[in-house]
Amino acid sequence: MNLLELSCTPQHGQNPLADNTVKQLLSSLPEWQVVGIELNKTYRFANYHETMAFVNALAWIAHQEDHHPDLSVHYNRVVVNFSTHDAGGLTLNDFICAAKTEALIKRP
């Protein structure tokens, strides 16, 4: 499944994903981890300007997908946490947005 090709859908009344599905989807997201009921990753940058550029780009994705992460923004790092509060845990939306977040970072 190519998460980048998918879009988020409303999750009102949905159940969180089963543990085996979470594990399978997590394997496609480098350095992401499940912490409690959140999908989490820390991104590090050279300076504040790069940090804020990333935050602004991520905010645009979140707006387009109507699925918003909790962010902890620091001078040279951002902690990103996705969770679907309506479902009380992780849904496919969290993994879609995590994959789109990953796509913001250039890989050599």
C-alpha atoms as a PDB file:
ATOM      1  CA  MET A   1       0.000   0.000   0.000  1.00  0.00           C
ATOM      2  CA  ASN A   2       1.435   3.372  -1.001  1.00  0.00           C
ATOM      3  CA  LEU A   3       0.456   5.709   1.829  1.00  0.00           C
ATOM      4  CA  LEU A   4       1.467   8.764  -0.203  1.00  0.00           C
ATOM      5  CA  GLU A   5      -1.298   8.058  -2.711  1.00  0.00           C
ATOM      6  CA  LEU A   6      -4.020   7.920  -0.039  1.00  0.00           C
ATOM      7  CA  SER A   7      -5.992  10.720   1.590  1.00  0.00           C
ATOM      8  CA  CYS A   8      -7.367  10.921   5.098  1.00  0.00           C
ATOM      9  CA  THR A   9     -11.028  10.182   5.729  1.00  0.00           C
ATOM     10  CA  PRO A  10     -13.266  11.041   8.709  1.00  0.00           C
ATOM     11  CA  GLN A  11     -12.758   8.584  11.571  1.00  0.00           C
ATOM     12  CA  HIS A  12     -15.738   9.427  13.804  1.00  0.00           C
ATOM     13  CA  GLY A  13     -16.888   6.254  15.531  1.00  0.00           C
ATOM     14  CA  GLN A  14     -14.027   4.158  14.119  1.00  0.00           C
ATOM     15  CA  ASN A  15     -11.908   1.816  16.192  1.00  0.00           C
ATOM     16  CA  PRO A  16      -8.130   2.132  16.336  1.00  0.00           C
ATOM     17  CA  LEU A  17      -6.064  -0.192  14.165  1.00  0.00           C
ATOM     18  CA  ALA A  18      -5.156  -3.657  15.435  1.00  0.00           C
ATOM     19  CA  ASP A  19      -1.621  -4.092  16.777  1.00  0.00           C
ATOM     20  CA  ASN A  20      -0.547  -6.302  13.858  1.00  0.00           C
ATOM     21  CA  THR A  21      -1.719  -3.678  11.335  1.00  0.00           C
ATOM     22  CA  VAL A  22       0.098  -0.937  13.262  1.00  0.00           C
ATOM     23  CA  LYS A  23       3.285  -3.028  13.233  1.00  0.00           C
ATOM     24  CA  GLN A  24       2.991  -3.654   9.489  1.00  0.00           C
ATOM     25  CA  LEU A  25       2.399   0.014   8.639  1.00  0.00           C
ATOM     26  CA  LEU A  26       5.139   1.152  11.024  1.00  0.00           C
ATOM     27  CA  SER A  27       7.687  -0.921   9.117  1.00  0.00           C
ATOM     28  CA  SER A  28       7.345   1.491   6.166  1.00  0.00           C
ATOM     29  CA  LEU A  29       8.154   4.579   8.252  1.00  0.00           C
ATOM     30  CA  PRO A  30      11.837   4.889   9.185  1.00  0.00           C
ATOM     31  CA  GLU A  31      12.534   5.977  12.762  1.00  0.00           C
ATOM     32  CA  TRP A  32       8.862   6.429  13.653  1.00  0.00           C
ATOM     33  CA  GLN A  33       7.711   4.712  16.816  1.00  0.00           C
ATOM     34  CA  VAL A  34       4.520   4.088  18.706  1.00  0.00           C
ATOM     35  CA  VAL A  35       4.483   5.771  22.108  1.00  0.00           C
ATOM     36  CA  GLY A  36       1.289   5.002  23.995  1.00  0.00           C
ATOM     37  CA  ILE A  37      -1.464   5.711  21.495  1.00  0.00           C
ATOM     38  CA  GLU A  38       0.606   8.077  19.359  1.00  0.00           C
ATOM     39  CA  LEU A  39       2.825   7.727  16.319  1.00  0.00           C
ATOM     40  CA  ASN A  40       5.965   9.723  17.096  1.00  0.00           C
ATOM     41  CA  LYS A  41       9.150  10.979  15.464  1.00  0.00           C
ATOM     42  CA  THR A  42      11.691  13.695  16.218  1.00  0.00           C
ATOM     43  CA  TYR A  43      13.112  15.616  13.255  1.00  0.00           C
ATOM     44  CA  ARG A  44      16.388  17.536  13.670  1.00  0.00           C
ATOM     45  CA  PHE A  45      17.505  20.555  11.655  1.00  0.00           C
ATOM     46  CA  ALA A  46      20.570  22.777  11.318  1.00  0.00           C
ATOM     47  CA  ASN A  47      18.846  25.948  12.490  1.00  0.00           C
ATOM     48  CA  TYR A  48      15.604  27.677  13.394  1.00  0.00           C
ATOM     49  CA  HIS A  49      14.867  28.724   9.807  1.00  0.00           C
ATOM     50  CA  GLU A  50      14.909  25.087   8.598  1.00  0.00           C
ATOM     51  CA  THR A  51      12.845  24.035  11.600  1.00  0.00           C
ATOM     52  CA  MET A  52      10.138  26.581  10.867  1.00  0.00           C
ATOM     53  CA  ALA A  53      10.121  25.794   7.137  1.00  0.00           C
ATOM     54  CA  PHE A  54       9.432  22.169   8.025  1.00  0.00           C
ATOM     55  CA  VAL A  55       6.687  23.148  10.493  1.00  0.00           C
ATOM     56  CA  ASN A  56       4.991  25.359   7.904  1.00  0.00           C
ATOM     57  CA  ALA A  57       5.133  22.653   5.240  1.00  0.00           C
ATOM     58  CA  LEU A  58       3.750  20.118   7.702  1.00  0.00           C
ATOM     59  CA  ALA A  59       0.969  22.542   8.666  1.00  0.00           C
ATOM     60  CA  TRP A  60      -0.034  22.732   4.988  1.00  0.00           C
ATOM     61  CA  ILE A  61      -0.207  18.935   4.735  1.00  0.00           C
ATOM     62  CA  ALA A  62      -2.234  18.743   7.949  1.00  0.00           C
ATOM     63  CA  HIS A  63      -4.652  21.343   6.609  1.00  0.00           C
ATOM     64  CA  GLN A  64      -5.042  19.545   3.273  1.00  0.00           C
ATOM     65  CA  GLU A  65      -5.630  16.176   4.971  1.00  0.00           C
ATOM     66  CA  ASP A  66      -7.725  17.675   7.807  1.00  0.00           C
ATOM     67  CA  HIS A  67      -5.626  15.619  10.224  1.00  0.00           C
ATOM     68  CA  HIS A  68      -3.472  17.602  12.606  1.00  0.00           C
ATOM     69  CA  PRO A  69      -0.472  16.429  14.618  1.00  0.00           C
ATOM     70  CA  ASP A  70       0.602  17.586  18.039  1.00  0.00           C
ATOM     71  CA  LEU A  71       3.924  19.370  17.586  1.00  0.00           C
ATOM     72  CA  SER A  72       6.665  20.336  19.986  1.00  0.00           C
ATOM     73  CA  VAL A  73       8.774  22.957  18.213  1.00  0.00           C
ATOM     74  CA  HIS A  74      12.297  23.826  19.352  1.00  0.00           C
ATOM     75  CA  TYR A  75      15.218  25.771  17.870  1.00  0.00           C
ATOM     76  CA  ASN A  76      16.585  22.869  15.812  1.00  0.00           C
ATOM     77  CA  ARG A  77      14.091  20.059  16.234  1.00  0.00           C
ATOM     78  CA  VAL A  78      10.401  19.204  15.984  1.00  0.00           C
ATOM     79  CA  VAL A  79       8.664  16.350  17.765  1.00  0.00           C
ATOM     80  CA  VAL A  80       5.688  15.145  15.711  1.00  0.00           C
ATOM     81  CA  ASN A  81       2.883  13.085  17.277  1.00  0.00           C
ATOM     82  CA  PHE A  82      -0.027  11.741  15.263  1.00  0.00           C
ATOM     83  CA  SER A  83      -3.050  10.093  16.862  1.00  0.00           C
ATOM     84  CA  THR A  84      -6.722   9.940  15.950  1.00  0.00           C
ATOM     85  CA  HIS A  85      -8.465  11.304  19.016  1.00  0.00           C
ATOM     86  CA  ASP A  86     -11.922  10.370  17.677  1.00  0.00           C
ATOM     87  CA  ALA A  87     -10.843   6.709  17.530  1.00  0.00           C
ATOM     88  CA  GLY A  88      -8.850   6.747  20.756  1.00  0.00           C
ATOM     89  CA  GLY A  89      -5.671   5.527  19.075  1.00  0.00           C
ATOM     90  CA  LEU A  90      -4.002   5.052  15.733  1.00  0.00           C
ATOM     91  CA  THR A  91      -5.869   4.878  12.434  1.00  0.00           C
ATOM     92  CA  LEU A  92      -4.772   4.759   8.820  1.00  0.00           C
ATOM     93  CA  ASN A  93      -4.955   8.584   8.783  1.00  0.00           C
ATOM     94  CA  ASP A  94      -1.999   8.758  11.188  1.00  0.00           C
ATOM     95  CA  PHE A  95       0.162   6.619   8.916  1.00  0.00           C
ATOM     96  CA  ILE A  96      -0.899   8.523   5.788  1.00  0.00           C
ATOM     97  CA  CYS A  97       0.133  11.816   7.371  1.00  0.00           C
ATOM     98  CA  ALA A  98       3.351  10.360   8.774  1.00  0.00           C
ATOM     99  CA  ALA A  99       4.299   9.167   5.275  1.00  0.00           C
ATOM    100  CA  LYS A 100       3.533  12.593   3.824  1.00  0.00           C
ATOM    101  CA  THR A 101       5.612  14.171   6.593  1.00  0.00           C
ATOM    102  CA  GLU A 102       8.510  11.873   5.680  1.00  0.00           C
ATOM    103  CA  ALA A 103       8.208  12.972   2.047  1.00  0.00           C
ATOM    104  CA  LEU A 104       9.061  16.536   3.115  1.00  0.00           C
ATOM    105  CA  ILE A 105      12.578  15.465   4.039  1.00  0.00           C
ATOM    106  CA  LYS A 106      14.972  15.010   1.120  1.00  0.00           C
ATOM    107  CA  ARG A 107      16.774  11.703   1.146  1.00  0.00           C
ATOM    108  CA  PRO A 108      20.164  11.405  -0.642  1.00  0.00           C
END
